[in-house]
Amino acid sequence: MIKTKDNEILDFIKKGRADYSWFMTHALDVEPEHLWFKMKEVNDSVRDNERTAVGAGHGVSKTYGGARIALTFLFCYYPSTVITTAPSLAQVKNIWREIRAAHTNARMPLGGKLTTLELDIQTETGVKWYATGISTMPDTVTGEATRLQGIHNDYVLIILEEAAAILPEIWRATEHIGAPFKRVLAIGNPTSKFGDFPAALRDPTWNHINISVTDTPNFKMGRQLIPGVYGKEYEQRIRLKYGKDSDEYKVRVLGGISERGAEGAYCSRKMVELKKKGRITDLIEHNPNYPVHIIEDIGYTTAIGFVQVIEGWSNFISYYEDSGISIEKYVDLFDEYKKERGYRYGDIIVPCDMDSNAHKVITGQTALETLRGFGYNAKPLPRERRFNEGVQRLLKYLDTCRFHKTRCARLIDCLEAHHEKKNKQMSTEDVPVFTGVPDKDGTDHGFDMVRYAS
């Protein structure tokens, strides 16, 4: 904790809670002339709003400011927990370098045990009071999402750094964190029109802030006033290379949401075709004269499609996706839809591994046995030999599909966006190189569900 006299501590906490910017310039290491108006706007938004989404260009103090918000929140709220997360460990370490710099160079000695990815005040005080950094890569996301959902404290701040690439499981986990006072800051370059980050930037329940390179004091004054912040030189380079009307300029300079489709997407052209033909519309409603088939991709994240086959058309009338939910909860959903929407169920199609022992080790039954125990006679699919064969089959199947635009919005995004994984080492800004395997970026669940349906 802050090591100074008790009355000074209370005074700093009181002023810091009222004005995060004041705390940064009086207790932390921020020089007053480096605290520019967009940093202040983000500070005030985190103070006043439960959820803040910041779409930003490159080089506009995102990581610098986020690190100081983390320390301000941690030391002004007691007891508190601060979690910073990013798509990769390298990106998490990046914000923690800033956290360590701000902590080490603070105007007041802050205390706590500071390590590479954690600041522990709990050992000193005996209360739950700490900050930590976690990465959210596909191979660890299930464990990290479970860990996030288990967080409970009086005050909690979650910082989603490089938010466009944060996996859906983490976004959902933030919704389940229990805290009387909770803040979520999602900040990054909006490099895709698909996913949770652009959705947050459009969602009226989030407070939205845009930060453009053209907002920075360095750009406005035409010289380097704030170290590390981009200005006219960067704006000119991107403008001359790509053009002012380009998607690259919009995203990298202005911090706007990309309008470009995902590179290497399997079905994006087909989905554009379906839209042009009017196959994606809210006119695709439930017909009580036909059964509703359930198609599932089951795992930590489960994707469920509700489909009616009518006169040769596969009508996707609804879609549901969630993470960390038990099979029993999904059965409750089926029962709810049966009662409230009048669904009369037909086939229930599940993946071949639903009869594996992974679920049985925990519950004593396989997932398939559990589902059947509730009266839903699910049928597992045979194992598919090659993923690419499934993709080709799916593309043909989509010619027979229609989608409810609103109730299947997330599914439509998955089909438009799911793509091959890029080889980051070999790819350049202008020439992507792909690995030949699908990217497990969260869009795979809905995509695979429709692949099973095909």
Protein backbone atom coordinates (compact mmCIF):
# COMPACT_ATOMS: atom_id res chain seq x y z
CA MET A 1 0.00 0.00 0.00
CA ILE A 2 1.03 3.65 -0.32
CA LYS A 3 3.75 4.23 2.27
CA THR A 4 3.14 7.61 3.84
CA LYS A 5 1.17 9.10 6.73
CA ASP A 6 -2.40 7.88 7.23
CA ASN A 7 -4.00 11.29 6.61
CA GLU A 8 -1.99 11.68 3.42
CA ILE A 9 -3.11 8.22 2.29
CA LEU A 10 -6.77 9.07 2.79
CA ASP A 11 -6.33 12.40 1.05
CA PHE A 12 -4.64 10.82 -1.98
CA ILE A 13 -7.25 8.08 -2.21
CA LYS A 14 -10.10 10.57 -1.98
CA LYS A 15 -8.61 12.85 -4.64
CA GLY A 16 -7.55 9.89 -6.78
CA ARG A 17 -11.03 8.39 -6.86
CA ALA A 18 -12.46 11.77 -7.81
CA ASP A 19 -9.86 12.43 -10.50
CA TYR A 20 -7.74 9.60 -11.93
CA SER A 21 -5.68 12.13 -13.90
CA TRP A 22 -4.78 13.98 -10.71
CA PHE A 23 -3.55 10.75 -9.12
CA MET A 24 -1.41 9.95 -12.18
CA THR A 25 0.37 13.31 -12.06
CA HIS A 26 0.67 13.56 -8.26
CA ALA A 27 1.23 9.97 -7.09
CA LEU A 28 2.43 8.19 -10.24
CA ASP A 29 5.04 9.14 -12.82
CA VAL A 30 2.99 11.04 -15.41
CA GLU A 31 4.27 14.49 -16.32
CA PRO A 32 1.38 17.00 -16.46
CA GLU A 33 2.34 18.09 -19.98
CA HIS A 34 2.14 14.45 -21.17
CA LEU A 35 -1.41 13.95 -19.92
CA TRP A 36 -3.34 14.97 -23.02
CA PHE A 37 -7.10 15.37 -23.38
CA LYS A 38 -7.89 11.89 -24.79
CA MET A 39 -6.04 10.23 -21.90
CA LYS A 40 -8.15 12.31 -19.52
CA GLU A 41 -11.31 11.32 -21.38
CA VAL A 42 -10.50 7.61 -20.97
CA ASN A 43 -9.62 8.13 -17.29
CA ASP A 44 -12.92 9.85 -16.61
CA SER A 45 -14.88 7.22 -18.50
CA VAL A 46 -13.40 4.34 -16.50
CA ARG A 47 -14.19 6.24 -13.32
CA ASP A 48 -17.80 6.93 -14.31
CA ASN A 49 -18.89 3.98 -16.48
CA GLU A 50 -18.95 0.26 -15.89
CA ARG A 51 -17.88 -0.47 -19.47
CA THR A 52 -15.65 1.65 -21.70
CA ALA A 53 -14.72 0.72 -25.29
CA VAL A 54 -11.91 2.69 -26.91
CA GLY A 55 -11.26 2.38 -30.64
CA ALA A 56 -7.86 3.88 -31.26
CA GLY A 57 -5.28 4.43 -33.97
CA HIS A 58 -1.65 3.43 -33.63
CA GLY A 59 0.71 5.20 -31.25
CA VAL A 60 -1.85 7.13 -29.17
CA SER A 61 -0.80 6.18 -25.59
CA LYS A 62 -3.08 3.10 -25.35
CA THR A 63 -0.67 0.90 -23.39
CA TYR A 64 0.92 3.79 -21.49
CA GLY A 65 -2.45 5.08 -20.33
CA GLY A 66 -3.88 1.63 -19.59
CA ALA A 67 -0.98 0.79 -17.29
CA ARG A 68 -1.48 3.98 -15.27
CA ILE A 69 -5.23 3.35 -15.03
CA ALA A 70 -4.42 -0.10 -13.63
CA LEU A 71 -2.25 1.35 -10.85
CA THR A 72 -4.64 4.22 -10.13
CA PHE A 73 -7.55 1.83 -9.68
CA LEU A 74 -5.51 -0.61 -7.59
CA PHE A 75 -4.28 1.98 -5.12
CA CYS A 76 -7.43 4.13 -4.94
CA TYR A 77 -9.89 1.30 -4.27
CA TYR A 78 -9.57 -1.11 -1.35
CA PRO A 79 -9.72 -4.08 -1.52
CA SER A 80 -9.41 -4.33 -5.30
CA THR A 81 -8.41 -6.69 -8.07
CA VAL A 82 -7.02 -5.56 -11.43
CA ILE A 83 -6.69 -7.98 -14.34
CA THR A 84 -4.94 -7.03 -17.55
CA THR A 85 -5.24 -9.36 -20.51
CA ALA A 86 -4.15 -9.43 -24.14
CA PRO A 87 -4.11 -11.97 -26.98
CA SER A 88 -0.48 -13.02 -26.46
CA LEU A 89 1.98 -13.26 -23.58
CA ALA A 90 4.27 -10.77 -25.32
CA GLN A 91 1.45 -8.19 -25.38
CA VAL A 92 0.65 -8.82 -21.72
CA LYS A 93 4.32 -8.33 -20.85
CA ASN A 94 4.26 -5.06 -22.80
CA ILE A 95 1.61 -3.43 -20.59
CA TRP A 96 3.33 -4.84 -17.50
CA ARG A 97 6.59 -3.16 -18.49
CA GLU A 98 4.63 0.09 -18.33
CA ILE A 99 3.07 -0.90 -15.00
CA ARG A 100 6.51 -1.64 -13.53
CA ALA A 101 7.91 1.63 -14.89
CA ALA A 102 5.03 3.65 -13.42
CA HIS A 103 5.30 1.83 -10.07
CA THR A 104 9.09 2.17 -9.85
CA ASN A 105 9.12 5.85 -10.85
CA ALA A 106 6.06 6.89 -8.87
CA ARG A 107 6.26 10.16 -6.99
CA MET A 108 5.04 8.34 -3.88
CA PRO A 109 6.40 4.95 -2.75
CA LEU A 110 3.49 2.62 -3.50
CA GLY A 111 4.60 -0.61 -1.90
CA GLY A 112 3.51 -4.13 -2.73
CA LYS A 113 5.56 -6.99 -4.18
CA LEU A 114 6.06 -6.39 -7.90
CA THR A 115 7.03 -9.24 -10.24
CA THR A 116 6.91 -9.73 -14.02
CA LEU A 117 3.12 -10.07 -14.26
CA GLU A 118 1.82 -9.42 -10.76
CA LEU A 119 1.65 -6.72 -8.12
CA ASP A 120 0.78 -8.28 -4.77
CA ILE A 121 -0.42 -6.11 -1.90
CA GLN A 122 -2.26 -9.05 -0.36
CA THR A 123 0.81 -10.41 1.46
CA GLU A 124 1.45 -7.06 3.16
CA THR A 125 -2.14 -6.42 4.18
CA GLY A 126 -3.78 -9.83 4.53
CA VAL A 127 -6.70 -8.85 2.28
CA LYS A 128 -7.49 -9.71 -1.36
CA TRP A 129 -5.65 -6.87 -3.05
CA TYR A 130 -3.62 -7.47 -6.21
CA ALA A 131 -3.12 -6.93 -9.94
CA THR A 132 -2.11 -9.61 -12.42
CA GLY A 133 -1.68 -10.11 -16.14
CA ILE A 134 -2.92 -13.07 -18.18
CA SER A 135 -2.74 -13.97 -21.86
CA THR A 136 -5.71 -15.41 -23.71
CA MET A 137 -4.28 -17.65 -26.41
CA PRO A 138 -6.54 -20.42 -27.78
CA ASP A 139 -4.64 -23.21 -25.99
CA THR A 140 -5.06 -21.57 -22.57
CA VAL A 141 -8.30 -19.61 -22.95
CA THR A 142 -10.55 -22.18 -21.24
CA GLY A 143 -8.49 -22.11 -18.05
CA GLU A 144 -8.08 -18.34 -18.05
CA ALA A 145 -11.80 -17.75 -18.68
CA THR A 146 -12.65 -20.07 -15.79
CA ARG A 147 -10.17 -18.21 -13.61
CA LEU A 148 -11.71 -14.86 -14.54
CA GLN A 149 -15.24 -16.03 -13.77
CA GLY A 150 -14.06 -17.02 -10.29
CA ILE A 151 -12.88 -13.52 -9.37
CA HIS A 152 -14.83 -11.83 -6.58
CA ASN A 153 -13.84 -8.66 -4.80
CA ASP A 154 -15.29 -5.34 -3.69
CA TYR A 155 -13.65 -3.51 -6.58
CA VAL A 156 -12.61 -5.11 -9.88
CA LEU A 157 -11.06 -3.64 -13.04
CA ILE A 158 -10.55 -5.69 -16.22
CA ILE A 159 -8.39 -4.20 -18.98
CA LEU A 160 -8.75 -5.87 -22.39
CA GLU A 161 -5.65 -4.73 -24.26
CA GLU A 162 -5.57 -5.19 -28.07
CA ALA A 163 -9.25 -5.97 -27.66
CA ALA A 164 -9.96 -6.88 -31.30
CA ALA A 165 -8.08 -10.16 -30.85
CA ILE A 166 -9.42 -11.08 -27.39
CA LEU A 167 -11.27 -14.40 -27.64
CA PRO A 168 -15.04 -14.56 -27.01
CA GLU A 169 -14.59 -16.77 -23.93
CA ILE A 170 -12.79 -13.91 -22.15
CA TRP A 171 -15.41 -11.34 -23.13
CA ARG A 172 -18.12 -13.61 -21.73
CA ALA A 173 -16.13 -14.29 -18.56
CA THR A 174 -16.00 -10.56 -17.78
CA GLU A 175 -19.80 -10.57 -17.65
CA HIS A 176 -19.80 -13.20 -14.90
CA ILE A 177 -17.29 -11.52 -12.58
CA GLY A 178 -18.93 -10.66 -9.30
CA ALA A 179 -18.16 -7.24 -7.84
CA PRO A 180 -20.28 -4.45 -6.36
CA PHE A 181 -18.02 -2.00 -8.24
CA LYS A 182 -16.74 -3.34 -11.57
CA ARG A 183 -15.06 -1.61 -14.48
CA VAL A 184 -14.15 -3.03 -17.90
CA LEU A 185 -11.85 -1.14 -20.27
CA ALA A 186 -11.61 -2.58 -23.81
CA ILE A 187 -9.04 -0.73 -25.86
CA GLY A 188 -7.32 -1.37 -29.16
CA ASN A 189 -7.09 -0.93 -32.89
CA PRO A 190 -10.42 -2.10 -34.44
CA THR A 191 -8.79 -4.28 -37.10
CA SER A 192 -11.89 -6.39 -37.83
CA LYS A 193 -15.56 -5.66 -38.35
CA PHE A 194 -16.36 -9.01 -36.72
CA GLY A 195 -16.25 -10.00 -33.07
CA ASP A 196 -16.88 -8.68 -29.59
CA PHE A 197 -14.77 -5.52 -29.82
CA PRO A 198 -16.54 -3.89 -32.79
CA ALA A 199 -19.81 -5.08 -31.22
CA ALA A 200 -18.88 -3.24 -28.01
CA LEU A 201 -18.00 -0.13 -30.03
CA ARG A 202 -21.53 -0.20 -31.47
CA ASP A 203 -23.33 -1.25 -28.29
CA PRO A 204 -25.10 1.69 -26.55
CA THR A 205 -24.58 0.05 -23.13
CA TRP A 206 -20.83 0.74 -23.47
CA ASN A 207 -19.35 4.22 -23.27
CA HIS A 208 -17.49 4.80 -26.53
CA ILE A 209 -14.31 6.79 -27.09
CA ASN A 210 -12.42 7.23 -30.33
CA ILE A 211 -8.75 8.23 -30.38
CA SER A 212 -7.22 9.23 -33.72
CA VAL A 213 -3.60 9.99 -34.48
CA THR A 214 -4.93 13.37 -35.65
CA ASP A 215 -6.09 14.04 -32.06
CA THR A 216 -2.59 13.85 -30.57
CA PRO A 217 -0.71 16.98 -29.50
CA ASN A 218 2.21 15.76 -31.63
CA PHE A 219 0.02 15.84 -34.74
CA LYS A 220 -1.70 19.12 -33.92
CA MET A 221 1.54 20.96 -33.13
CA GLY A 222 3.60 19.24 -35.83
CA ARG A 223 6.41 18.27 -33.47
CA GLN A 224 7.35 15.66 -30.85
CA LEU A 225 5.80 16.99 -27.63
CA ILE A 226 5.01 13.62 -26.03
CA PRO A 227 7.57 10.78 -26.39
CA GLY A 228 6.30 7.67 -28.17
CA VAL A 229 3.11 9.28 -29.49
CA TYR A 230 2.58 9.39 -33.27
CA GLY A 231 2.02 12.60 -35.19
CA LYS A 232 2.16 14.08 -38.68
CA GLU A 233 4.99 11.87 -39.95
CA TYR A 234 3.07 8.64 -39.29
CA GLU A 235 -0.23 10.04 -40.62
CA GLN A 236 1.49 11.17 -43.81
CA ARG A 237 3.22 7.81 -44.33
CA ILE A 238 -0.05 5.85 -44.07
CA ARG A 239 -1.94 8.39 -46.18
CA LEU A 240 0.61 8.33 -48.99
CA LYS A 241 0.97 4.54 -48.95
CA TYR A 242 -2.72 3.56 -48.79
CA GLY A 243 -4.77 6.68 -49.45
CA LYS A 244 -6.95 8.71 -47.12
CA ASP A 245 -10.08 6.78 -48.12
CA SER A 246 -8.50 3.37 -47.49
CA ASP A 247 -9.45 0.90 -44.80
CA GLU A 248 -5.85 1.00 -43.54
CA TYR A 249 -6.01 4.77 -42.98
CA LYS A 250 -9.39 4.47 -41.29
CA VAL A 251 -8.14 1.81 -38.87
CA ARG A 252 -4.49 2.70 -38.25
CA VAL A 253 -4.80 6.49 -38.19
CA LEU A 254 -8.41 7.29 -37.32
CA GLY A 255 -9.07 4.31 -35.04
CA GLY A 256 -12.27 3.46 -36.93
CA ILE A 257 -13.77 -0.01 -37.31
CA SER A 258 -12.43 -1.94 -40.29
CA GLU A 259 -14.89 -2.68 -43.09
CA ARG A 260 -12.67 -5.30 -44.67
CA GLY A 261 -13.48 -8.99 -44.47
CA ALA A 262 -11.21 -11.44 -42.68
CA GLU A 263 -8.16 -12.49 -44.69
CA GLY A 264 -8.26 -16.16 -45.65
CA ALA A 265 -11.96 -16.50 -44.80
CA TYR A 266 -13.55 -19.72 -45.98
CA CYS A 267 -17.10 -18.53 -46.63
CA SER A 268 -17.04 -14.73 -46.88
CA ARG A 269 -17.82 -14.62 -50.62
CA LYS A 270 -20.62 -17.15 -50.24
CA MET A 271 -22.16 -15.12 -47.40
CA VAL A 272 -22.05 -11.96 -49.52
CA GLU A 273 -23.85 -13.91 -52.21
CA LEU A 274 -26.53 -15.05 -49.75
CA LYS A 275 -27.08 -11.47 -48.61
CA LYS A 276 -27.52 -10.28 -52.19
CA LYS A 277 -30.07 -13.04 -52.82
CA GLY A 278 -32.10 -12.10 -49.73
CA ARG A 279 -31.30 -15.30 -47.86
CA ILE A 280 -30.32 -13.42 -44.69
CA THR A 281 -33.46 -11.69 -43.45
CA ASP A 282 -35.73 -11.40 -40.43
CA LEU A 283 -38.50 -12.91 -42.57
CA ILE A 284 -37.07 -16.40 -41.85
CA GLU A 285 -39.42 -17.21 -38.97
CA HIS A 286 -40.36 -20.37 -37.08
CA ASN A 287 -43.01 -22.47 -38.85
CA PRO A 288 -44.96 -24.52 -36.27
CA ASN A 289 -45.90 -27.09 -38.92
CA TYR A 290 -42.30 -28.36 -39.13
CA PRO A 291 -39.95 -29.78 -36.47
CA VAL A 292 -36.98 -27.80 -35.21
CA HIS A 293 -33.69 -29.66 -35.46
CA ILE A 294 -30.90 -28.88 -32.99
CA ILE A 295 -27.28 -28.86 -34.22
CA GLU A 296 -24.57 -28.55 -31.56
CA ASP A 297 -20.85 -27.97 -31.39
CA ILE A 298 -20.21 -28.80 -27.74
CA GLY A 299 -17.20 -27.81 -25.65
CA TYR A 300 -16.21 -25.15 -23.13
CA THR A 301 -17.80 -22.85 -25.70
CA THR A 302 -20.93 -24.40 -27.18
CA ALA A 303 -22.63 -23.30 -30.39
CA ILE A 304 -26.25 -24.34 -30.97
CA GLY A 305 -28.24 -23.88 -34.15
CA PHE A 306 -32.03 -24.29 -34.41
CA VAL A 307 -32.91 -25.35 -37.95
CA GLN A 308 -36.07 -26.18 -39.86
CA VAL A 309 -35.95 -28.05 -43.18
CA ILE A 310 -38.80 -26.75 -45.34
CA GLU A 311 -39.23 -27.55 -49.04
CA GLY A 312 -35.54 -28.15 -49.55
CA TRP A 313 -34.39 -25.11 -47.56
CA SER A 314 -32.47 -25.27 -44.27
CA ASN A 315 -33.84 -22.33 -42.31
CA PHE A 316 -31.62 -21.30 -39.38
CA ILE A 317 -34.24 -19.62 -37.21
CA SER A 318 -32.13 -19.07 -34.09
CA TYR A 319 -28.58 -19.40 -32.76
CA TYR A 320 -27.18 -19.57 -29.25
CA GLU A 321 -23.56 -19.48 -28.09
CA ASP A 322 -22.11 -19.36 -24.60
CA SER A 323 -19.05 -20.44 -22.61
CA GLY A 324 -18.52 -22.28 -19.35
CA ILE A 325 -22.13 -23.50 -19.18
CA SER A 326 -23.12 -27.05 -18.21
CA ILE A 327 -25.15 -29.39 -20.42
CA GLU A 328 -27.96 -29.13 -17.88
CA LYS A 329 -28.18 -25.37 -18.58
CA TYR A 330 -28.46 -26.03 -22.30
CA VAL A 331 -31.28 -28.49 -21.63
CA ASP A 332 -33.02 -25.70 -19.70
CA LEU A 333 -32.62 -23.54 -22.83
CA PHE A 334 -34.22 -26.22 -25.01
CA ASP A 335 -37.13 -26.50 -22.58
CA GLU A 336 -37.50 -22.72 -22.49
CA TYR A 337 -37.64 -22.45 -26.29
CA LYS A 338 -40.13 -25.31 -26.42
CA LYS A 339 -42.41 -23.51 -23.97
CA GLU A 340 -41.99 -19.88 -25.05
CA ARG A 341 -41.43 -20.24 -28.80
CA GLY A 342 -43.42 -23.37 -29.42
CA TYR A 343 -40.50 -25.37 -30.82
CA ARG A 344 -41.27 -29.03 -31.55
CA TYR A 345 -37.93 -30.79 -31.73
CA GLY A 346 -36.82 -33.25 -34.38
CA ASP A 347 -33.25 -34.51 -34.76
CA ILE A 348 -30.50 -33.47 -32.37
CA ILE A 349 -27.12 -33.66 -34.10
CA VAL A 350 -23.92 -33.56 -32.04
CA PRO A 351 -20.21 -34.05 -32.88
CA CYS A 352 -18.64 -37.50 -32.82
CA ASP A 353 -16.58 -36.81 -29.67
CA MET A 354 -19.63 -36.12 -27.51
CA ASP A 355 -19.51 -39.78 -26.47
CA SER A 356 -15.91 -39.51 -25.25
CA ASN A 357 -14.81 -40.05 -21.66
CA ALA A 358 -13.67 -36.45 -21.04
CA HIS A 359 -17.07 -35.43 -19.61
CA LYS A 360 -17.51 -38.82 -17.90
CA VAL A 361 -14.41 -38.33 -15.74
CA ILE A 362 -16.06 -35.31 -14.12
CA THR A 363 -19.75 -36.29 -13.98
CA GLY A 364 -19.82 -40.07 -14.28
CA GLN A 365 -21.59 -39.85 -17.64
CA THR A 366 -20.54 -38.92 -21.13
CA ALA A 367 -22.02 -35.69 -22.48
CA LEU A 368 -24.15 -37.79 -24.84
CA GLU A 369 -25.49 -39.90 -21.95
CA THR A 370 -26.29 -36.75 -19.95
CA LEU A 371 -28.25 -35.23 -22.82
CA ARG A 372 -30.15 -38.45 -23.45
CA GLY A 373 -30.91 -38.69 -19.74
CA PHE A 374 -32.95 -35.49 -20.08
CA GLY A 375 -35.02 -37.05 -22.85
CA TYR A 376 -33.15 -35.57 -25.81
CA ASN A 377 -32.08 -38.44 -28.08
CA ALA A 378 -28.98 -36.92 -29.65
CA LYS A 379 -27.26 -38.55 -32.63
CA PRO A 380 -23.46 -38.26 -32.89
CA LEU A 381 -21.99 -37.67 -36.35
CA PRO A 382 -19.34 -39.96 -37.84
CA ARG A 383 -15.79 -38.65 -37.63
CA GLU A 384 -14.83 -36.39 -40.53
CA ARG A 385 -11.65 -37.45 -42.34
CA ARG A 386 -10.39 -34.05 -43.49
CA PHE A 387 -11.37 -30.54 -42.45
CA ASN A 388 -11.09 -29.19 -46.01
CA GLU A 389 -13.58 -31.79 -47.23
CA GLY A 390 -16.01 -30.45 -44.65
CA VAL A 391 -15.42 -26.88 -45.86
CA GLN A 392 -16.23 -27.80 -49.47
CA ARG A 393 -19.37 -29.64 -48.33
CA LEU A 394 -20.36 -26.60 -46.25
CA LEU A 395 -19.97 -24.22 -49.18
CA LYS A 396 -22.39 -26.33 -51.23
CA TYR A 397 -24.77 -26.65 -48.28
CA LEU A 398 -24.96 -22.87 -47.86
CA ASP A 399 -26.70 -22.68 -51.25
CA THR A 400 -29.68 -24.31 -49.51
CA CYS A 401 -29.57 -22.19 -46.33
CA ARG A 402 -31.46 -19.15 -45.10
CA PHE A 403 -30.73 -17.28 -41.86
CA HIS A 404 -32.77 -15.13 -39.49
CA LYS A 405 -30.76 -11.92 -39.61
CA THR A 406 -31.25 -10.87 -35.98
CA ARG A 407 -31.44 -14.15 -34.08
CA CYS A 408 -28.49 -15.57 -36.04
CA ALA A 409 -26.35 -12.41 -36.10
CA ARG A 410 -23.45 -13.99 -34.22
CA LEU A 411 -23.61 -17.11 -36.42
CA ILE A 412 -23.55 -15.00 -39.59
CA ASP A 413 -20.43 -13.24 -38.29
CA CYS A 414 -18.79 -16.63 -37.62
CA LEU A 415 -19.51 -17.81 -41.16
CA GLU A 416 -18.23 -14.58 -42.69
CA ALA A 417 -15.12 -14.34 -40.53
CA HIS A 418 -13.78 -17.84 -39.86
CA HIS A 419 -10.46 -18.16 -41.66
CA GLU A 420 -7.18 -19.93 -42.11
CA LYS A 421 -4.53 -19.16 -39.54
CA LYS A 422 -1.93 -16.70 -40.76
CA ASN A 423 1.80 -17.41 -40.56
CA LYS A 424 2.83 -14.24 -38.76
CA GLN A 425 6.55 -14.81 -39.27
CA MET A 426 6.26 -15.11 -43.06
CA SER A 427 3.41 -12.63 -43.66
CA THR A 428 3.99 -8.97 -44.46
CA GLU A 429 1.63 -6.01 -44.17
CA ASP A 430 0.60 -6.45 -47.80
CA VAL A 431 1.12 -10.19 -48.46
CA PRO A 432 -0.44 -12.66 -46.01
CA VAL A 433 0.88 -16.23 -45.83
CA PHE A 434 -1.39 -18.92 -44.39
CA THR A 435 -0.67 -22.13 -42.50
CA GLY A 436 -3.41 -24.31 -44.03
CA VAL A 437 -5.17 -24.88 -40.69
CA PRO A 438 -8.20 -23.02 -39.27
CA ASP A 439 -7.63 -20.21 -36.78
CA LYS A 440 -9.16 -20.97 -33.39
CA ASP A 441 -10.26 -17.39 -32.83
CA GLY A 442 -13.76 -18.01 -31.48
CA THR A 443 -15.53 -17.91 -34.83
CA ASP A 444 -14.77 -21.61 -35.25
CA HIS A 445 -17.63 -22.74 -32.97
CA GLY A 446 -20.49 -21.39 -35.07
CA PHE A 447 -18.70 -22.30 -38.29
CA ASP A 448 -18.20 -25.90 -37.15
CA MET A 449 -21.82 -26.18 -36.07
CA VAL A 450 -23.01 -25.37 -39.60
CA ARG A 451 -20.34 -27.68 -41.00
CA TYR A 452 -21.89 -30.45 -38.90
CA ALA A 453 -25.33 -29.51 -40.20
CA SER A 454 -24.11 -29.91 -43.78
